[in-house]
Amino acid sequence: MITLLKTLYNKAEGLKGRRLVYTLVFLFVLFVLIGFAVGYVTLQRLNKDEKAQTDTAVVTKEPSLSEYEGKITYINPAFYPDDKISYVLVDASGKDIILLKSNDQKLSIAEGLYVKVRGAKLKTADGKMDVLNVKEVVIKSVTN
């Protein structure tokens, strides 16, 4: 194998002038054709439709939205470490209504305000308490 590579290298070193140009043009055209062939095969493979999965249709049930009114209050997240809950909704007397959690910062912005919250009602990781995954917060004015 090494002797073959040595002889090929020596022949390539011996190419000069017109033979060198013809060899380079031939190699260029050869590799362009190989590139087009590989690209065409790849493109044809990607254009095929994927298998239809109609027989295993997955129906996801979206939980119904619940709505509560009260004041958003901060609680220590160490009380519910598995659920990462930091807020609770309390009524005017200070009694807890429901635990709150959200994927963004809307609860921290509305902390301490009387609000109407809407979202999906879930259970905590231990299954003992209800949690509202808040999707919408409407701040109530004093006159309401």
C-alpha atoms as a PDB file:
ATOM      1  CA  MET A   1       0.000   0.000   0.000  1.00  0.00           C
ATOM      2  CA  ILE A   2       2.800   2.397   0.867  1.00  0.00           C
ATOM      3  CA  THR A   3       4.624   1.674  -2.379  1.00  0.00           C
ATOM      4  CA  LEU A   4       1.442   2.447  -4.316  1.00  0.00           C
ATOM      5  CA  LEU A   5       1.114   5.784  -2.551  1.00  0.00           C
ATOM      6  CA  LYS A   6       4.781   6.557  -3.204  1.00  0.00           C
ATOM      7  CA  THR A   7       4.483   5.839  -6.918  1.00  0.00           C
ATOM      8  CA  LEU A   8       1.268   7.870  -7.153  1.00  0.00           C
ATOM      9  CA  TYR A   9       2.945  10.772  -5.389  1.00  0.00           C
ATOM     10  CA  ASN A  10       5.984  10.595  -7.689  1.00  0.00           C
ATOM     11  CA  LYS A  11       3.759  10.579 -10.792  1.00  0.00           C
ATOM     12  CA  ALA A  12       1.777  13.571  -9.458  1.00  0.00           C
ATOM     13  CA  GLU A  13       5.042  15.432  -8.832  1.00  0.00           C
ATOM     14  CA  GLY A  14       6.098  14.703 -12.401  1.00  0.00           C
ATOM     15  CA  LEU A  15       3.015  16.348 -13.903  1.00  0.00           C
ATOM     16  CA  LYS A  16       3.804  19.663 -15.537  1.00  0.00           C
ATOM     17  CA  GLY A  17       2.109  22.073 -17.898  1.00  0.00           C
ATOM     18  CA  ARG A  18      -0.852  20.861 -19.908  1.00  0.00           C
ATOM     19  CA  ARG A  19      -1.056  17.425 -18.276  1.00  0.00           C
ATOM     20  CA  LEU A  20      -1.281  19.055 -14.828  1.00  0.00           C
ATOM     21  CA  VAL A  21      -4.125  21.342 -15.956  1.00  0.00           C
ATOM     22  CA  TYR A  22      -6.028  18.453 -17.579  1.00  0.00           C
ATOM     23  CA  THR A  23      -5.615  16.317 -14.472  1.00  0.00           C
ATOM     24  CA  LEU A  24      -6.850  19.102 -12.188  1.00  0.00           C
ATOM     25  CA  VAL A  25      -9.858  19.849 -14.434  1.00  0.00           C
ATOM     26  CA  PHE A  26     -10.688  16.134 -14.565  1.00  0.00           C
ATOM     27  CA  LEU A  27     -10.518  15.816 -10.777  1.00  0.00           C
ATOM     28  CA  PHE A  28     -12.630  18.958 -10.327  1.00  0.00           C
ATOM     29  CA  VAL A  29     -15.356  17.701 -12.684  1.00  0.00           C
ATOM     30  CA  LEU A  30     -15.256  14.256 -11.074  1.00  0.00           C
ATOM     31  CA  PHE A  31     -15.773  15.622  -7.564  1.00  0.00           C
ATOM     32  CA  VAL A  32     -18.495  18.038  -8.710  1.00  0.00           C
ATOM     33  CA  LEU A  33     -20.390  15.128 -10.239  1.00  0.00           C
ATOM     34  CA  ILE A  34     -19.954  13.066  -7.073  1.00  0.00           C
ATOM     35  CA  GLY A  35     -21.239  16.031  -5.020  1.00  0.00           C
ATOM     36  CA  PHE A  36     -24.313  16.435  -7.206  1.00  0.00           C
ATOM     37  CA  ALA A  37     -25.038  12.715  -7.036  1.00  0.00           C
ATOM     38  CA  VAL A  38     -24.789  12.644  -3.247  1.00  0.00           C
ATOM     39  CA  GLY A  39     -26.909  15.802  -2.989  1.00  0.00           C
ATOM     40  CA  TYR A  40     -29.561  14.380  -5.301  1.00  0.00           C
ATOM     41  CA  VAL A  41     -29.798  11.113  -3.384  1.00  0.00           C
ATOM     42  CA  THR A  42     -30.003  12.976  -0.074  1.00  0.00           C
ATOM     43  CA  LEU A  43     -32.638  15.361  -1.418  1.00  0.00           C
ATOM     44  CA  GLN A  44     -34.774  12.516  -2.766  1.00  0.00           C
ATOM     45  CA  ARG A  45     -34.574  10.756   0.557  1.00  0.00           C
ATOM     46  CA  LEU A  46     -35.615  13.883   2.457  1.00  0.00           C
ATOM     47  CA  ASN A  47     -38.553  14.590   0.128  1.00  0.00           C
ATOM     48  CA  LYS A  48     -40.309  11.308   0.957  1.00  0.00           C
ATOM     49  CA  ASP A  49     -43.337  11.578   3.214  1.00  0.00           C
ATOM     50  CA  GLU A  50     -43.030  10.313   6.721  1.00  0.00           C
ATOM     51  CA  LYS A  51     -45.176   7.414   7.799  1.00  0.00           C
ATOM     52  CA  ALA A  52     -48.658   8.528   8.735  1.00  0.00           C
ATOM     53  CA  GLN A  53     -49.431   7.730  12.340  1.00  0.00           C
ATOM     54  CA  THR A  54     -53.193   7.935  12.131  1.00  0.00           C
ATOM     55  CA  ASP A  55     -53.739   4.578  13.790  1.00  0.00           C
ATOM     56  CA  THR A  56     -52.048   5.750  16.984  1.00  0.00           C
ATOM     57  CA  ALA A  57     -53.634   9.161  17.307  1.00  0.00           C
ATOM     58  CA  VAL A  58     -52.789  10.792  20.615  1.00  0.00           C
ATOM     59  CA  VAL A  59     -55.593  12.774  22.172  1.00  0.00           C
ATOM     60  CA  THR A  60     -54.386  15.248  24.766  1.00  0.00           C
ATOM     61  CA  LYS A  61     -56.936  16.510  27.195  1.00  0.00           C
ATOM     62  CA  GLU A  62     -56.297  20.099  28.109  1.00  0.00           C
ATOM     63  CA  PRO A  63     -57.355  20.829  31.658  1.00  0.00           C
ATOM     64  CA  SER A  64     -60.215  23.251  32.050  1.00  0.00           C
ATOM     65  CA  LEU A  65     -59.346  26.779  33.104  1.00  0.00           C
ATOM     66  CA  SER A  66     -60.230  27.818  36.634  1.00  0.00           C
ATOM     67  CA  GLU A  67     -60.614  31.362  37.912  1.00  0.00           C
ATOM     68  CA  TYR A  68     -60.004  32.752  41.409  1.00  0.00           C
ATOM     69  CA  GLU A  69     -59.907  36.202  43.003  1.00  0.00           C
ATOM     70  CA  GLY A  70     -57.758  37.370  45.877  1.00  0.00           C
ATOM     71  CA  LYS A  71     -54.408  38.825  46.859  1.00  0.00           C
ATOM     72  CA  ILE A  72     -51.126  37.283  45.664  1.00  0.00           C
ATOM     73  CA  THR A  73     -48.799  36.645  48.608  1.00  0.00           C
ATOM     74  CA  TYR A  74     -45.234  35.316  48.644  1.00  0.00           C
ATOM     75  CA  ILE A  75     -44.511  32.098  50.540  1.00  0.00           C
ATOM     76  CA  ASN A  76     -41.227  30.360  51.195  1.00  0.00           C
ATOM     77  CA  PRO A  77     -40.447  27.984  48.306  1.00  0.00           C
ATOM     78  CA  ALA A  78     -38.952  25.536  50.820  1.00  0.00           C
ATOM     79  CA  PHE A  79     -42.514  24.561  51.813  1.00  0.00           C
ATOM     80  CA  TYR A  80     -43.027  22.978  48.358  1.00  0.00           C
ATOM     81  CA  PRO A  81     -39.539  22.220  46.996  1.00  0.00           C
ATOM     82  CA  ASP A  82     -40.650  19.592  44.476  1.00  0.00           C
ATOM     83  CA  ASP A  83     -43.164  21.943  42.854  1.00  0.00           C
ATOM     84  CA  LYS A  84     -41.158  25.202  43.092  1.00  0.00           C
ATOM     85  CA  ILE A  85     -44.180  27.119  44.367  1.00  0.00           C
ATOM     86  CA  SER A  86     -43.510  30.633  45.696  1.00  0.00           C
ATOM     87  CA  TYR A  87     -46.938  32.273  45.765  1.00  0.00           C
ATOM     88  CA  VAL A  88     -50.365  31.687  47.253  1.00  0.00           C
ATOM     89  CA  LEU A  89     -53.682  33.416  46.642  1.00  0.00           C
ATOM     90  CA  VAL A  90     -55.354  34.636  49.855  1.00  0.00           C
ATOM     91  CA  ASP A  91     -58.778  36.150  50.486  1.00  0.00           C
ATOM     92  CA  ALA A  92     -59.488  39.437  52.290  1.00  0.00           C
ATOM     93  CA  SER A  93     -59.230  37.779  55.712  1.00  0.00           C
ATOM     94  CA  GLY A  94     -55.812  36.257  54.899  1.00  0.00           C
ATOM     95  CA  LYS A  95     -57.015  32.697  54.453  1.00  0.00           C
ATOM     96  CA  ASP A  96     -55.262  30.676  51.722  1.00  0.00           C
ATOM     97  CA  ILE A  97     -57.407  30.010  48.653  1.00  0.00           C
ATOM     98  CA  ILE A  98     -55.027  28.158  46.326  1.00  0.00           C
ATOM     99  CA  LEU A  99     -51.311  27.776  45.631  1.00  0.00           C
ATOM    100  CA  LEU A 100     -50.029  29.568  42.524  1.00  0.00           C
ATOM    101  CA  LYS A 101     -47.246  28.865  40.082  1.00  0.00           C
ATOM    102  CA  SER A 102     -46.310  30.281  36.699  1.00  0.00           C
ATOM    103  CA  ASN A 103     -43.733  29.739  33.977  1.00  0.00           C
ATOM    104  CA  ASP A 104     -42.841  33.429  33.830  1.00  0.00           C
ATOM    105  CA  GLN A 105     -42.627  36.447  36.160  1.00  0.00           C
ATOM    106  CA  LYS A 106     -46.267  37.560  36.165  1.00  0.00           C
ATOM    107  CA  LEU A 107     -46.849  36.491  39.774  1.00  0.00           C
ATOM    108  CA  SER A 108     -43.839  38.415  41.095  1.00  0.00           C
ATOM    109  CA  ILE A 109     -45.035  41.557  39.317  1.00  0.00           C
ATOM    110  CA  ALA A 110     -48.542  41.278  40.777  1.00  0.00           C
ATOM    111  CA  GLU A 111     -47.376  40.327  44.288  1.00  0.00           C
ATOM    112  CA  GLY A 112     -49.362  42.144  46.975  1.00  0.00           C
ATOM    113  CA  LEU A 113     -52.167  43.198  44.612  1.00  0.00           C
ATOM    114  CA  TYR A 114     -55.776  42.060  44.454  1.00  0.00           C
ATOM    115  CA  VAL A 115     -56.160  40.124  41.248  1.00  0.00           C
ATOM    116  CA  LYS A 116     -58.255  37.691  39.268  1.00  0.00           C
ATOM    117  CA  VAL A 117     -56.139  34.720  38.137  1.00  0.00           C
ATOM    118  CA  ARG A 118     -56.978  32.158  35.450  1.00  0.00           C
ATOM    119  CA  GLY A 119     -55.197  28.925  34.711  1.00  0.00           C
ATOM    120  CA  ALA A 120     -55.145  25.166  34.834  1.00  0.00           C
ATOM    121  CA  LYS A 121     -55.794  23.507  38.171  1.00  0.00           C
ATOM    122  CA  LEU A 122     -53.246  20.812  39.043  1.00  0.00           C
ATOM    123  CA  LYS A 123     -52.126  18.840  42.088  1.00  0.00           C
ATOM    124  CA  THR A 124     -48.824  19.123  43.959  1.00  0.00           C
ATOM    125  CA  ALA A 125     -46.226  16.380  43.568  1.00  0.00           C
ATOM    126  CA  ASP A 126     -47.492  14.657  46.706  1.00  0.00           C
ATOM    127  CA  GLY A 127     -51.101  14.986  45.480  1.00  0.00           C
ATOM    128  CA  LYS A 128     -52.409  16.696  48.638  1.00  0.00           C
ATOM    129  CA  MET A 129     -52.850  20.337  47.582  1.00  0.00           C
ATOM    130  CA  ASP A 130     -54.335  22.094  44.551  1.00  0.00           C
ATOM    131  CA  VAL A 131     -52.081  24.344  42.490  1.00  0.00           C
ATOM    132  CA  LEU A 132     -53.174  26.838  39.855  1.00  0.00           C
ATOM    133  CA  ASN A 133     -50.758  27.049  36.926  1.00  0.00           C
ATOM    134  CA  VAL A 134     -51.456  30.701  36.139  1.00  0.00           C
ATOM    135  CA  LYS A 135     -51.889  31.671  32.500  1.00  0.00           C
ATOM    136  CA  GLU A 136     -53.507  35.083  32.993  1.00  0.00           C
ATOM    137  CA  VAL A 137     -53.509  37.720  35.747  1.00  0.00           C
ATOM    138  CA  VAL A 138     -56.045  40.576  35.787  1.00  0.00           C
ATOM    139  CA  ILE A 139     -55.335  43.284  38.348  1.00  0.00           C
ATOM    140  CA  LYS A 140     -58.475  44.492  40.133  1.00  0.00           C
ATOM    141  CA  SER A 141     -58.756  48.202  40.852  1.00  0.00           C
ATOM    142  CA  VAL A 142     -59.871  49.582  44.191  1.00  0.00           C
ATOM    143  CA  THR A 143     -63.267  50.581  42.805  1.00  0.00           C
ATOM    144  CA  ASN A 144     -64.046  47.011  41.666  1.00  0.00           C
END
